[in-house]
Amino acid sequence: MNKIQHPSNNAVLGAPEGWNQAELPCEALAITRSEYAGMPVVKSYWRPSAEELAILNAGGSVELAVLGHTMPPVMVSVDPL
């Protein structure tokens, strides 16, 4: 997946404090801070490559991986942009 700039983006996230860029690079990510059902939410936007679209169209799935030992509350959806 390729991160993309979205018209709603209003902030940028950098690597977490203390992140070891030499061990695992972490690039800046354009985000949108907003609300969902009255809760604060941070959104980023991604576009699948042609190869990934082929996998999805053949019945493949979207994987969400979170670094660490647990998974915070997350959502995966689509945006018509």
PDB file of N, CA and C in Angstrom:
ATOM      1  N   MET A   1       0.849  -1.178   0.000  1.00  0.00           N
ATOM      2  CA  MET A   1       0.000   0.000   0.000  1.00  0.00           C
ATOM      3  C   MET A   1       0.891   1.236   0.000  1.00  0.00           C
ATOM      4  N   ASN A   2       0.412   2.251  -0.650  1.00  0.00           N
ATOM      5  CA  ASN A   2       1.141   3.507  -0.733  1.00  0.00           C
ATOM      6  C   ASN A   2       0.377   4.585   0.023  1.00  0.00           C
ATOM      7  N   LYS A   3       1.055   5.213   0.979  1.00  0.00           N
ATOM      8  CA  LYS A   3       0.394   6.311   1.688  1.00  0.00           C
ATOM      9  C   LYS A   3       0.156   7.430   0.698  1.00  0.00           C
ATOM     10  N   ILE A   4      -0.971   8.125   0.861  1.00  0.00           N
ATOM     11  CA  ILE A   4      -1.294   9.218  -0.056  1.00  0.00           C
ATOM     12  C   ILE A   4      -1.679  10.460   0.737  1.00  0.00           C
ATOM     13  N   GLN A   5      -1.546  11.596   0.081  1.00  0.00           N
ATOM     14  CA  GLN A   5      -2.024  12.864   0.632  1.00  0.00           C
ATOM     15  C   GLN A   5      -3.516  12.936   0.359  1.00  0.00           C
ATOM     16  N   HIS A   6      -4.320  13.260   1.367  1.00  0.00           N
ATOM     17  CA  HIS A   6      -5.774  13.373   1.244  1.00  0.00           C
ATOM     18  C   HIS A   6      -6.160  14.830   1.484  1.00  0.00           C
ATOM     19  N   PRO A   7      -7.190  15.319   0.801  1.00  0.00           N
ATOM     20  CA  PRO A   7      -7.585  16.728   0.991  1.00  0.00           C
ATOM     21  C   PRO A   7      -7.909  17.092   2.439  1.00  0.00           C
ATOM     22  N   SER A   8      -8.299  16.125   3.238  1.00  0.00           N
ATOM     23  CA  SER A   8      -8.658  16.412   4.632  1.00  0.00           C
ATOM     24  C   SER A   8      -7.449  16.442   5.570  1.00  0.00           C
ATOM     25  N   ASN A   9      -6.261  16.063   5.115  1.00  0.00           N
ATOM     26  CA  ASN A   9      -5.092  16.009   5.997  1.00  0.00           C
ATOM     27  C   ASN A   9      -4.855  17.359   6.654  1.00  0.00           C
ATOM     28  N   ASN A  10      -4.638  17.314   7.976  1.00  0.00           N
ATOM     29  CA  ASN A  10      -4.432  18.550   8.717  1.00  0.00           C
ATOM     30  C   ASN A  10      -3.286  18.459   9.730  1.00  0.00           C
ATOM     31  N   ALA A  11      -2.502  17.376   9.653  1.00  0.00           N
ATOM     32  CA  ALA A  11      -1.365  17.209  10.560  1.00  0.00           C
ATOM     33  C   ALA A  11      -0.420  16.163   9.971  1.00  0.00           C
ATOM     34  N   VAL A  12       0.744  16.052  10.576  1.00  0.00           N
ATOM     35  CA  VAL A  12       1.729  15.053  10.154  1.00  0.00           C
ATOM     36  C   VAL A  12       2.270  14.373  11.406  1.00  0.00           C
ATOM     37  N   LEU A  13       2.333  13.044  11.357  1.00  0.00           N
ATOM     38  CA  LEU A  13       2.944  12.286  12.440  1.00  0.00           C
ATOM     39  C   LEU A  13       4.366  11.921  12.051  1.00  0.00           C
ATOM     40  N   GLY A  14       5.271  12.064  12.985  1.00  0.00           N
ATOM     41  CA  GLY A  14       6.642  11.614  12.786  1.00  0.00           C
ATOM     42  C   GLY A  14       6.864  10.325  13.553  1.00  0.00           C
ATOM     43  N   ALA A  15       8.083   9.863  13.579  1.00  0.00           N
ATOM     44  CA  ALA A  15       8.415   8.669  14.339  1.00  0.00           C
ATOM     45  C   ALA A  15       8.161   8.917  15.825  1.00  0.00           C
ATOM     46  N   PRO A  16       7.768   7.880  16.563  1.00  0.00           N
ATOM     47  CA  PRO A  16       7.584   8.046  18.011  1.00  0.00           C
ATOM     48  C   PRO A  16       8.895   8.465  18.686  1.00  0.00           C
ATOM     49  N   GLU A  17       8.774   9.142  19.810  1.00  0.00           N
ATOM     50  CA  GLU A  17       9.941   9.584  20.565  1.00  0.00           C
ATOM     51  C   GLU A  17      10.804   8.375  20.921  1.00  0.00           C
ATOM     52  N   GLY A  18      12.098   8.493  20.690  1.00  0.00           N
ATOM     53  CA  GLY A  18      13.016   7.414  21.013  1.00  0.00           C
ATOM     54  C   GLY A  18      13.108   6.326  19.956  1.00  0.00           C
ATOM     55  N   TRP A  19      12.406   6.498  18.820  1.00  0.00           N
ATOM     56  CA  TRP A  19      12.404   5.497  17.752  1.00  0.00           C
ATOM     57  C   TRP A  19      13.809   5.360  17.164  1.00  0.00           C
ATOM     58  N   ASN A  20      14.244   4.133  16.935  1.00  0.00           N
ATOM     59  CA  ASN A  20      15.564   3.880  16.360  1.00  0.00           C
ATOM     60  C   ASN A  20      15.427   3.789  14.839  1.00  0.00           C
ATOM     61  N   GLN A  21      15.690   4.899  14.165  1.00  0.00           N
ATOM     62  CA  GLN A  21      15.567   4.960  12.708  1.00  0.00           C
ATOM     63  C   GLN A  21      16.554   4.025  12.012  1.00  0.00           C
ATOM     64  N   ALA A  22      17.707   3.768  12.624  1.00  0.00           N
ATOM     65  CA  ALA A  22      18.693   2.872  12.021  1.00  0.00           C
ATOM     66  C   ALA A  22      18.192   1.434  12.029  1.00  0.00           C
ATOM     67  N   GLU A  23      17.449   1.064  13.054  1.00  0.00           N
ATOM     68  CA  GLU A  23      16.933  -0.309  13.167  1.00  0.00           C
ATOM     69  C   GLU A  23      15.734  -0.527  12.249  1.00  0.00           C
ATOM     70  N   LEU A  24      14.818   0.426  12.229  1.00  0.00           N
ATOM     71  CA  LEU A  24      13.615   0.328  11.392  1.00  0.00           C
ATOM     72  C   LEU A  24      13.169   1.743  11.043  1.00  0.00           C
ATOM     73  N   PRO A  25      13.415   2.200   9.811  1.00  0.00           N
ATOM     74  CA  PRO A  25      13.030   3.562   9.428  1.00  0.00           C
ATOM     75  C   PRO A  25      11.524   3.790   9.563  1.00  0.00           C
ATOM     76  N   CYS A  26      11.173   4.974  10.016  1.00  0.00           N
ATOM     77  CA  CYS A  26       9.767   5.364  10.178  1.00  0.00           C
ATOM     78  C   CYS A  26       9.594   6.734   9.532  1.00  0.00           C
ATOM     79  N   GLU A  27       8.896   6.769   8.389  1.00  0.00           N
ATOM     80  CA  GLU A  27       8.702   8.019   7.661  1.00  0.00           C
ATOM     81  C   GLU A  27       7.543   8.826   8.243  1.00  0.00           C
ATOM     82  N   ALA A  28       7.527  10.123   7.926  1.00  0.00           N
ATOM     83  CA  ALA A  28       6.417  10.983   8.315  1.00  0.00           C
ATOM     84  C   ALA A  28       5.137  10.509   7.615  1.00  0.00           C
ATOM     85  N   LEU A  29       4.015  10.686   8.279  1.00  0.00           N
ATOM     86  CA  LEU A  29       2.725  10.252   7.741  1.00  0.00           C
ATOM     87  C   LEU A  29       1.719  11.388   7.851  1.00  0.00           C
ATOM     88  N   ALA A  30       1.189  11.828   6.711  1.00  0.00           N
ATOM     89  CA  ALA A  30       0.129  12.847   6.716  1.00  0.00           C
ATOM     90  C   ALA A  30      -1.137  12.220   7.297  1.00  0.00           C
ATOM     91  N   ILE A  31      -1.795  12.941   8.201  1.00  0.00           N
ATOM     92  CA  ILE A  31      -2.986  12.411   8.872  1.00  0.00           C
ATOM     93  C   ILE A  31      -4.095  13.459   8.894  1.00  0.00           C
ATOM     94  N   THR A  32      -5.269  12.979   9.241  1.00  0.00           N
ATOM     95  CA  THR A  32      -6.417  13.849   9.478  1.00  0.00           C
ATOM     96  C   THR A  32      -6.898  13.604  10.898  1.00  0.00           C
ATOM     97  N   ARG A  33      -6.899  14.630  11.709  1.00  0.00           N
ATOM     98  CA  ARG A  33      -7.460  14.541  13.062  1.00  0.00           C
ATOM     99  C   ARG A  33      -8.920  14.982  12.976  1.00  0.00           C
ATOM    100  N   SER A  34      -9.817  14.123  13.438  1.00  0.00           N
ATOM    101  CA  SER A  34     -11.235  14.462  13.421  1.00  0.00           C
ATOM    102  C   SER A  34     -11.951  13.672  14.513  1.00  0.00           C
ATOM    103  N   GLU A  35     -13.256  13.478  14.363  1.00  0.00           N
ATOM    104  CA  GLU A  35     -14.049  12.714  15.329  1.00  0.00           C
ATOM    105  C   GLU A  35     -14.878  11.669  14.619  1.00  0.00           C
ATOM    106  N   TYR A  36     -15.119  10.568  15.304  1.00  0.00           N
ATOM    107  CA  TYR A  36     -16.014   9.511  14.831  1.00  0.00           C
ATOM    108  C   TYR A  36     -16.872   9.098  16.014  1.00  0.00           C
ATOM    109  N   ALA A  37     -18.180   9.252  15.873  1.00  0.00           N
ATOM    110  CA  ALA A  37     -19.121   8.907  16.952  1.00  0.00           C
ATOM    111  C   ALA A  37     -18.738   9.602  18.260  1.00  0.00           C
ATOM    112  N   GLY A  38     -18.294  10.851  18.150  1.00  0.00           N
ATOM    113  CA  GLY A  38     -17.943  11.628  19.329  1.00  0.00           C
ATOM    114  C   GLY A  38     -16.584  11.311  19.925  1.00  0.00           C
ATOM    115  N   MET A  39     -15.853  10.419  19.287  1.00  0.00           N
ATOM    116  CA  MET A  39     -14.530  10.030  19.785  1.00  0.00           C
ATOM    117  C   MET A  39     -13.455  10.634  18.874  1.00  0.00           C
ATOM    118  N   PRO A  40     -12.320  11.064  19.441  1.00  0.00           N
ATOM    119  CA  PRO A  40     -11.255  11.558  18.584  1.00  0.00           C
ATOM    120  C   PRO A  40     -10.715  10.420  17.727  1.00  0.00           C
ATOM    121  N   VAL A  41     -10.369  10.737  16.484  1.00  0.00           N
ATOM    122  CA  VAL A  41      -9.855   9.733  15.566  1.00  0.00           C
ATOM    123  C   VAL A  41      -8.721  10.351  14.742  1.00  0.00           C
ATOM    124  N   VAL A  42      -7.747   9.536  14.421  1.00  0.00           N
ATOM    125  CA  VAL A  42      -6.650   9.921  13.543  1.00  0.00           C
ATOM    126  C   VAL A  42      -6.730   9.014  12.330  1.00  0.00           C
ATOM    127  N   LYS A  43      -6.826   9.611  11.134  1.00  0.00           N
ATOM    128  CA  LYS A  43      -6.958   8.832   9.902  1.00  0.00           C
ATOM    129  C   LYS A  43      -5.735   9.051   9.015  1.00  0.00           C
ATOM    130  N   SER A  44      -5.317   7.986   8.342  1.00  0.00           N
ATOM    131  CA  SER A  44      -4.331   8.097   7.268  1.00  0.00           C
ATOM    132  C   SER A  44      -4.941   7.403   6.060  1.00  0.00           C
ATOM    133  N   TYR A  45      -4.461   7.756   4.895  1.00  0.00           N
ATOM    134  CA  TYR A  45      -5.060   7.257   3.655  1.00  0.00           C
ATOM    135  C   TYR A  45      -4.015   6.523   2.836  1.00  0.00           C
ATOM    136  N   TRP A  46      -4.434   5.386   2.266  1.00  0.00           N
ATOM    137  CA  TRP A  46      -3.527   4.487   1.556  1.00  0.00           C
ATOM    138  C   TRP A  46      -4.182   4.030   0.263  1.00  0.00           C
ATOM    139  N   ARG A  47      -3.375   3.846  -0.757  1.00  0.00           N
ATOM    140  CA  ARG A  47      -3.889   3.361  -2.043  1.00  0.00           C
ATOM    141  C   ARG A  47      -3.121   2.096  -2.414  1.00  0.00           C
ATOM    142  N   PRO A  48      -3.845   1.009  -2.715  1.00  0.00           N
ATOM    143  CA  PRO A  48      -3.154  -0.225  -3.102  1.00  0.00           C
ATOM    144  C   PRO A  48      -2.490  -0.090  -4.471  1.00  0.00           C
ATOM    145  N   SER A  49      -1.374  -0.789  -4.628  1.00  0.00           N
ATOM    146  CA  SER A  49      -0.691  -0.835  -5.920  1.00  0.00           C
ATOM    147  C   SER A  49      -1.487  -1.717  -6.875  1.00  0.00           C
ATOM    148  N   ALA A  50      -1.118  -1.718  -8.138  1.00  0.00           N
ATOM    149  CA  ALA A  50      -1.788  -2.581  -9.121  1.00  0.00           C
ATOM    150  C   ALA A  50      -1.672  -4.046  -8.711  1.00  0.00           C
ATOM    151  N   GLU A  51      -0.517  -4.438  -8.207  1.00  0.00           N
ATOM    152  CA  GLU A  51      -0.323  -5.823  -7.774  1.00  0.00           C
ATOM    153  C   GLU A  51      -1.231  -6.154  -6.583  1.00  0.00           C
ATOM    154  N   GLU A  52      -1.325  -5.226  -5.635  1.00  0.00           N
ATOM    155  CA  GLU A  52      -2.189  -5.450  -4.470  1.00  0.00           C
ATOM    156  C   GLU A  52      -3.654  -5.498  -4.878  1.00  0.00           C
ATOM    157  N   LEU A  53      -4.056  -4.628  -5.816  1.00  0.00           N
ATOM    158  CA  LEU A  53      -5.442  -4.679  -6.307  1.00  0.00           C
ATOM    159  C   LEU A  53      -5.747  -6.020  -6.952  1.00  0.00           C
ATOM    160  N   ALA A  54      -4.798  -6.565  -7.687  1.00  0.00           N
ATOM    161  CA  ALA A  54      -4.994  -7.875  -8.311  1.00  0.00           C
ATOM    162  C   ALA A  54      -5.203  -8.943  -7.239  1.00  0.00           C
ATOM    163  N   ILE A  55      -4.423  -8.889  -6.177  1.00  0.00           N
ATOM    164  CA  ILE A  55      -4.579  -9.852  -5.075  1.00  0.00           C
ATOM    165  C   ILE A  55      -5.944  -9.689  -4.421  1.00  0.00           C
ATOM    166  N   LEU A  56      -6.343  -8.436  -4.154  1.00  0.00           N
ATOM    167  CA  LEU A  56      -7.654  -8.197  -3.541  1.00  0.00           C
ATOM    168  C   LEU A  56      -8.782  -8.678  -4.441  1.00  0.00           C
ATOM    169  N   ASN A  57      -8.682  -8.380  -5.738  1.00  0.00           N
ATOM    170  CA  ASN A  57      -9.722  -8.801  -6.679  1.00  0.00           C
ATOM    171  C   ASN A  57      -9.785 -10.313  -6.838  1.00  0.00           C
ATOM    172  N   ALA A  58      -8.696 -10.998  -6.516  1.00  0.00           N
ATOM    173  CA  ALA A  58      -8.669 -12.460  -6.588  1.00  0.00           C
ATOM    174  C   ALA A  58      -9.104 -13.089  -5.268  1.00  0.00           C
ATOM    175  N   GLY A  59      -9.587 -12.267  -4.334  1.00  0.00           N
ATOM    176  CA  GLY A  59     -10.083 -12.800  -3.066  1.00  0.00           C
ATOM    177  C   GLY A  59      -9.136 -12.626  -1.901  1.00  0.00           C
ATOM    178  N   GLY A  60      -8.007 -11.959  -2.111  1.00  0.00           N
ATOM    179  CA  GLY A  60      -7.073 -11.703  -1.018  1.00  0.00           C
ATOM    180  C   GLY A  60      -7.696 -10.769   0.013  1.00  0.00           C
ATOM    181  N   SER A  61      -6.989 -10.552   1.096  1.00  0.00           N
ATOM    182  CA  SER A  61      -7.539  -9.722   2.170  1.00  0.00           C
ATOM    183  C   SER A  61      -6.578  -8.583   2.510  1.00  0.00           C
ATOM    184  N   VAL A  62      -7.085  -7.622   3.268  1.00  0.00           N
ATOM    185  CA  VAL A  62      -6.289  -6.508   3.775  1.00  0.00           C
ATOM    186  C   VAL A  62      -5.773  -6.918   5.147  1.00  0.00           C
ATOM    187  N   GLU A  63      -4.495  -6.720   5.384  1.00  0.00           N
ATOM    188  CA  GLU A  63      -3.890  -7.042   6.673  1.00  0.00           C
ATOM    189  C   GLU A  63      -3.572  -5.740   7.398  1.00  0.00           C
ATOM    190  N   LEU A  64      -3.890  -5.671   8.678  1.00  0.00           N
ATOM    191  CA  LEU A  64      -3.511  -4.539   9.523  1.00  0.00           C
ATOM    192  C   LEU A  64      -2.519  -5.065  10.546  1.00  0.00           C
ATOM    193  N   ALA A  65      -1.311  -4.546  10.540  1.00  0.00           N
ATOM    194  CA  ALA A  65      -0.282  -4.954  11.495  1.00  0.00           C
ATOM    195  C   ALA A  65       0.065  -3.764  12.376  1.00  0.00           C
ATOM    196  N   VAL A  66       0.103  -3.974  13.673  1.00  0.00           N
ATOM    197  CA  VAL A  66       0.464  -2.933  14.631  1.00  0.00           C
ATOM    198  C   VAL A  66       1.705  -3.415  15.369  1.00  0.00           C
ATOM    199  N   LEU A  67       2.776  -2.608  15.361  1.00  0.00           N
ATOM    200  CA  LEU A  67       3.989  -2.999  16.063  1.00  0.00           C
ATOM    201  C   LEU A  67       3.743  -3.000  17.564  1.00  0.00           C
ATOM    202  N   GLY A  68       4.266  -3.985  18.237  1.00  0.00           N
ATOM    203  CA  GLY A  68       4.118  -4.097  19.681  1.00  0.00           C
ATOM    204  C   GLY A  68       3.428  -5.395  20.062  1.00  0.00           C
ATOM    205  N   HIS A  69       2.899  -5.427  21.293  1.00  0.00           N
ATOM    206  CA  HIS A  69       2.336  -6.657  21.839  1.00  0.00           C
ATOM    207  C   HIS A  69       0.817  -6.651  21.952  1.00  0.00           C
ATOM    208  N   THR A  70       0.183  -5.591  21.504  1.00  0.00           N
ATOM    209  CA  THR A  70      -1.274  -5.516  21.578  1.00  0.00           C
ATOM    210  C   THR A  70      -1.783  -4.677  20.420  1.00  0.00           C
ATOM    211  N   MET A  71      -3.086  -4.625  20.268  1.00  0.00           N
ATOM    212  CA  MET A  71      -3.672  -3.832  19.193  1.00  0.00           C
ATOM    213  C   MET A  71      -4.635  -2.823  19.809  1.00  0.00           C
ATOM    214  N   PRO A  72      -4.402  -1.535  19.548  1.00  0.00           N
ATOM    215  CA  PRO A  72      -5.342  -0.525  20.027  1.00  0.00           C
ATOM    216  C   PRO A  72      -6.627  -0.608  19.205  1.00  0.00           C
ATOM    217  N   PRO A  73      -7.688   0.042  19.639  1.00  0.00           N
ATOM    218  CA  PRO A  73      -8.911   0.058  18.823  1.00  0.00           C
ATOM    219  C   PRO A  73      -8.596   0.703  17.471  1.00  0.00           C
ATOM    220  N   VAL A  74      -8.868  -0.005  16.400  1.00  0.00           N
ATOM    221  CA  VAL A  74      -8.616   0.498  15.053  1.00  0.00           C
ATOM    222  C   VAL A  74      -9.811   0.217  14.154  1.00  0.00           C
ATOM    223  N   MET A  75      -9.874   0.899  13.020  1.00  0.00           N
ATOM    224  CA  MET A  75     -10.897   0.673  12.001  1.00  0.00           C
ATOM    225  C   MET A  75     -10.204   0.637  10.659  1.00  0.00           C
ATOM    226  N   VAL A  76     -10.714  -0.184   9.767  1.00  0.00           N
ATOM    227  CA  VAL A  76     -10.256  -0.199   8.377  1.00  0.00           C
ATOM    228  C   VAL A  76     -11.489  -0.009   7.511  1.00  0.00           C
ATOM    229  N   SER A  77     -11.431   0.948   6.597  1.00  0.00           N
ATOM    230  CA  SER A  77     -12.586   1.214   5.726  1.00  0.00           C
ATOM    231  C   SER A  77     -12.077   1.682   4.368  1.00  0.00           C
ATOM    232  N   VAL A  78     -12.966   2.125   3.521  1.00  0.00           N
ATOM    233  CA  VAL A  78     -12.585   2.667   2.220  1.00  0.00           C
ATOM    234  C   VAL A  78     -13.076   4.100   2.102  1.00  0.00           C
ATOM    235  N   ASP A  79     -12.418   4.866   1.259  1.00  0.00           N
ATOM    236  CA  ASP A  79     -12.780   6.253   1.000  1.00  0.00           C
ATOM    237  C   ASP A  79     -12.912   6.405  -0.512  1.00  0.00           C
ATOM    238  N   PRO A  80     -13.991   7.009  -1.000  1.00  0.00           N
ATOM    239  CA  PRO A  80     -14.217   7.064  -2.435  1.00  0.00           C
ATOM    240  C   PRO A  80     -13.327   8.023  -3.205  1.00  0.00           C
ATOM    241  N   LEU A  81     -12.415   8.731  -2.543  1.00  0.00           N
ATOM    242  CA  LEU A  81     -11.556   9.714  -3.228  1.00  0.00           C
ATOM    243  C   LEU A  81     -10.758   9.109  -4.342  1.00  0.00           C
TER     244      LEU A  81
END
